[in-house]
Amino acid sequence: MDGVIQHKDLFERWCEMSIAEQMGNIGSEVSRSLKNQNKPTRFQGAFDRALELFDFTIESLQRRKASAELGEVCRAREEFCDYFNGNSMNTDPAKMQKYYDEFAILARN
């Protein structure tokens, strides 16, 4: 995030969420990105929101000094970006969606 938080009110609320809630919400934007790959405007909006939420999560985990979760979120962000930029990691979109769905389920329980 380069130290600049553009949506401070959202960021403060974001930091109060559990990692499961954060990742479940990121998953909503991942899902929108996957569903709208052929609709450039909708895709770009979802993709940009997902990146912002990833960055909020990374920043909140750095503040909490949660290094184990930080590594996983950074890797998930990398995989998400890679999927839409050549998919050199050979990510299966169904498996990627399932990963985030598990967080959403955990957050609900």
C-alpha atoms as a PDB file:
ATOM      1  CA  MET A   1       0.000   0.000   0.000  1.00  0.00           C
ATOM      2  CA  ASP A   2       3.071   2.226   0.036  1.00  0.00           C
ATOM      3  CA  GLY A   3       1.986   3.708   3.373  1.00  0.00           C
ATOM      4  CA  VAL A   4      -0.958   5.614   1.851  1.00  0.00           C
ATOM      5  CA  ILE A   5      -4.425   4.525   2.872  1.00  0.00           C
ATOM      6  CA  GLN A   6      -6.952   5.994   0.469  1.00  0.00           C
ATOM      7  CA  HIS A   7     -10.125   4.812   2.216  1.00  0.00           C
ATOM      8  CA  LYS A   8      -9.265   5.317   5.874  1.00  0.00           C
ATOM      9  CA  ASP A   9     -12.786   4.638   7.192  1.00  0.00           C
ATOM     10  CA  LEU A  10     -12.982   1.327   5.350  1.00  0.00           C
ATOM     11  CA  PHE A  11      -9.455   0.418   6.403  1.00  0.00           C
ATOM     12  CA  GLU A  12     -10.227   0.967  10.092  1.00  0.00           C
ATOM     13  CA  ARG A  13     -13.319  -1.269   9.882  1.00  0.00           C
ATOM     14  CA  TRP A  14     -11.338  -3.797   7.834  1.00  0.00           C
ATOM     15  CA  CYS A  15      -8.735  -4.092  10.578  1.00  0.00           C
ATOM     16  CA  GLU A  16     -11.463  -5.049  13.051  1.00  0.00           C
ATOM     17  CA  MET A  17     -12.501  -8.059  10.949  1.00  0.00           C
ATOM     18  CA  SER A  18     -11.129 -11.542  11.443  1.00  0.00           C
ATOM     19  CA  ILE A  19      -8.846 -12.955   8.759  1.00  0.00           C
ATOM     20  CA  ALA A  20     -11.691 -15.287   7.727  1.00  0.00           C
ATOM     21  CA  GLU A  21     -14.008 -12.307   7.208  1.00  0.00           C
ATOM     22  CA  GLN A  22     -11.345 -10.433   5.276  1.00  0.00           C
ATOM     23  CA  MET A  23     -10.516 -13.359   3.007  1.00  0.00           C
ATOM     24  CA  GLY A  24     -14.199 -14.160   2.492  1.00  0.00           C
ATOM     25  CA  ASN A  25     -14.778 -10.590   1.333  1.00  0.00           C
ATOM     26  CA  ILE A  26     -11.745 -10.727  -0.931  1.00  0.00           C
ATOM     27  CA  GLY A  27     -13.239 -13.924  -2.328  1.00  0.00           C
ATOM     28  CA  SER A  28     -16.355 -12.030  -3.390  1.00  0.00           C
ATOM     29  CA  GLU A  29     -14.218  -9.784  -5.589  1.00  0.00           C
ATOM     30  CA  VAL A  30     -12.203 -12.763  -6.839  1.00  0.00           C
ATOM     31  CA  SER A  31     -15.487 -14.385  -7.853  1.00  0.00           C
ATOM     32  CA  ARG A  32     -16.640 -11.219  -9.625  1.00  0.00           C
ATOM     33  CA  SER A  33     -13.301 -11.027 -11.428  1.00  0.00           C
ATOM     34  CA  LEU A  34     -13.596 -14.619 -12.602  1.00  0.00           C
ATOM     35  CA  LYS A  35     -17.207 -14.190 -13.738  1.00  0.00           C
ATOM     36  CA  ASN A  36     -16.535 -10.951 -15.610  1.00  0.00           C
ATOM     37  CA  GLN A  37     -13.335 -11.753 -17.486  1.00  0.00           C
ATOM     38  CA  ASN A  38     -15.074 -10.986 -20.785  1.00  0.00           C
ATOM     39  CA  LYS A  39     -16.644  -7.724 -19.556  1.00  0.00           C
ATOM     40  CA  PRO A  40     -13.695  -5.320 -19.287  1.00  0.00           C
ATOM     41  CA  THR A  41     -15.318  -2.597 -17.187  1.00  0.00           C
ATOM     42  CA  ARG A  42     -16.851  -4.963 -14.641  1.00  0.00           C
ATOM     43  CA  PHE A  43     -13.719  -7.087 -14.554  1.00  0.00           C
ATOM     44  CA  GLN A  44     -11.419  -4.127 -13.924  1.00  0.00           C
ATOM     45  CA  GLY A  45     -13.604  -2.828 -11.101  1.00  0.00           C
ATOM     46  CA  ALA A  46     -13.680  -6.202  -9.345  1.00  0.00           C
ATOM     47  CA  PHE A  47      -9.975  -6.783  -9.949  1.00  0.00           C
ATOM     48  CA  ASP A  48      -9.063  -3.364  -8.523  1.00  0.00           C
ATOM     49  CA  ARG A  49     -11.321  -3.854  -5.480  1.00  0.00           C
ATOM     50  CA  ALA A  50      -9.778  -7.270  -4.822  1.00  0.00           C
ATOM     51  CA  LEU A  51      -6.286  -5.764  -4.917  1.00  0.00           C
ATOM     52  CA  GLU A  52      -7.318  -2.987  -2.559  1.00  0.00           C
ATOM     53  CA  LEU A  53      -8.776  -5.522  -0.110  1.00  0.00           C
ATOM     54  CA  PHE A  54      -5.663  -7.689  -0.374  1.00  0.00           C
ATOM     55  CA  ASP A  55      -3.565  -4.634   0.412  1.00  0.00           C
ATOM     56  CA  PHE A  56      -5.793  -3.699   3.366  1.00  0.00           C
ATOM     57  CA  THR A  57      -5.432  -7.233   4.696  1.00  0.00           C
ATOM     58  CA  ILE A  58      -1.663  -7.227   4.252  1.00  0.00           C
ATOM     59  CA  GLU A  59      -1.368  -3.882   6.031  1.00  0.00           C
ATOM     60  CA  SER A  60      -3.614  -5.024   8.908  1.00  0.00           C
ATOM     61  CA  LEU A  61      -1.617  -8.262   9.318  1.00  0.00           C
ATOM     62  CA  GLN A  62       1.646  -6.311   9.351  1.00  0.00           C
ATOM     63  CA  ARG A  63       0.253  -4.121  12.120  1.00  0.00           C
ATOM     64  CA  ARG A  64      -0.796  -7.233  14.078  1.00  0.00           C
ATOM     65  CA  LYS A  65       2.592  -8.857  13.394  1.00  0.00           C
ATOM     66  CA  ALA A  66       0.782 -11.953  12.108  1.00  0.00           C
ATOM     67  CA  SER A  67       3.593 -13.313   9.952  1.00  0.00           C
ATOM     68  CA  ALA A  68       2.106 -16.762   9.204  1.00  0.00           C
ATOM     69  CA  GLU A  69      -1.119 -15.288   7.856  1.00  0.00           C
ATOM     70  CA  LEU A  70       0.798 -12.526   6.092  1.00  0.00           C
ATOM     71  CA  GLY A  71       2.751 -15.023   4.013  1.00  0.00           C
ATOM     72  CA  GLU A  72      -0.399 -16.846   2.975  1.00  0.00           C
ATOM     73  CA  VAL A  73      -2.226 -13.659   1.991  1.00  0.00           C
ATOM     74  CA  CYS A  74       0.762 -12.414  -0.011  1.00  0.00           C
ATOM     75  CA  ARG A  75       0.901 -15.734  -1.842  1.00  0.00           C
ATOM     76  CA  ALA A  76      -2.856 -15.642  -2.511  1.00  0.00           C
ATOM     77  CA  ARG A  77      -2.519 -12.113  -3.921  1.00  0.00           C
ATOM     78  CA  GLU A  78       0.346 -13.230  -6.131  1.00  0.00           C
ATOM     79  CA  GLU A  79      -1.660 -16.183  -7.433  1.00  0.00           C
ATOM     80  CA  PHE A  80      -4.707 -13.986  -8.086  1.00  0.00           C
ATOM     81  CA  CYS A  81      -2.642 -11.490 -10.094  1.00  0.00           C
ATOM     82  CA  ASP A  82      -0.814 -14.237 -11.953  1.00  0.00           C
ATOM     83  CA  TYR A  83      -4.041 -15.938 -12.998  1.00  0.00           C
ATOM     84  CA  PHE A  84      -5.138 -12.865 -14.942  1.00  0.00           C
ATOM     85  CA  ASN A  85      -1.654 -12.174 -16.310  1.00  0.00           C
ATOM     86  CA  GLY A  86      -0.677 -15.350 -18.162  1.00  0.00           C
ATOM     87  CA  ASN A  87      -1.354 -17.901 -15.396  1.00  0.00           C
ATOM     88  CA  SER A  88       2.236 -19.130 -15.204  1.00  0.00           C
ATOM     89  CA  MET A  89       1.309 -20.833 -11.905  1.00  0.00           C
ATOM     90  CA  ASN A  90      -1.329 -22.910 -13.723  1.00  0.00           C
ATOM     91  CA  THR A  91      -4.011 -21.968 -11.232  1.00  0.00           C
ATOM     92  CA  ASP A  92      -7.340 -23.731 -11.570  1.00  0.00           C
ATOM     93  CA  PRO A  93     -10.042 -21.043 -11.199  1.00  0.00           C
ATOM     94  CA  ALA A  94     -12.473 -23.475  -9.533  1.00  0.00           C
ATOM     95  CA  LYS A  95      -9.876 -24.353  -6.895  1.00  0.00           C
ATOM     96  CA  MET A  96      -9.054 -20.692  -6.385  1.00  0.00           C
ATOM     97  CA  GLN A  97     -12.733 -19.913  -5.814  1.00  0.00           C
ATOM     98  CA  LYS A  98     -13.103 -22.868  -3.431  1.00  0.00           C
ATOM     99  CA  TYR A  99     -10.162 -21.543  -1.380  1.00  0.00           C
ATOM    100  CA  TYR A 100     -11.997 -18.267  -0.750  1.00  0.00           C
ATOM    101  CA  ASP A 101     -15.361 -19.935  -0.257  1.00  0.00           C
ATOM    102  CA  GLU A 102     -13.907 -21.856   2.689  1.00  0.00           C
ATOM    103  CA  PHE A 103     -13.085 -18.550   4.397  1.00  0.00           C
ATOM    104  CA  ALA A 104     -16.587 -17.239   3.781  1.00  0.00           C
ATOM    105  CA  ILE A 105     -18.053 -20.386   5.355  1.00  0.00           C
ATOM    106  CA  LEU A 106     -15.678 -20.099   8.321  1.00  0.00           C
ATOM    107  CA  ALA A 107     -16.597 -16.442   8.819  1.00  0.00           C
ATOM    108  CA  ARG A 108     -20.322 -17.279   8.871  1.00  0.00           C
ATOM    109  CA  ASN A 109     -19.827 -19.910  11.569  1.00  0.00           C
END
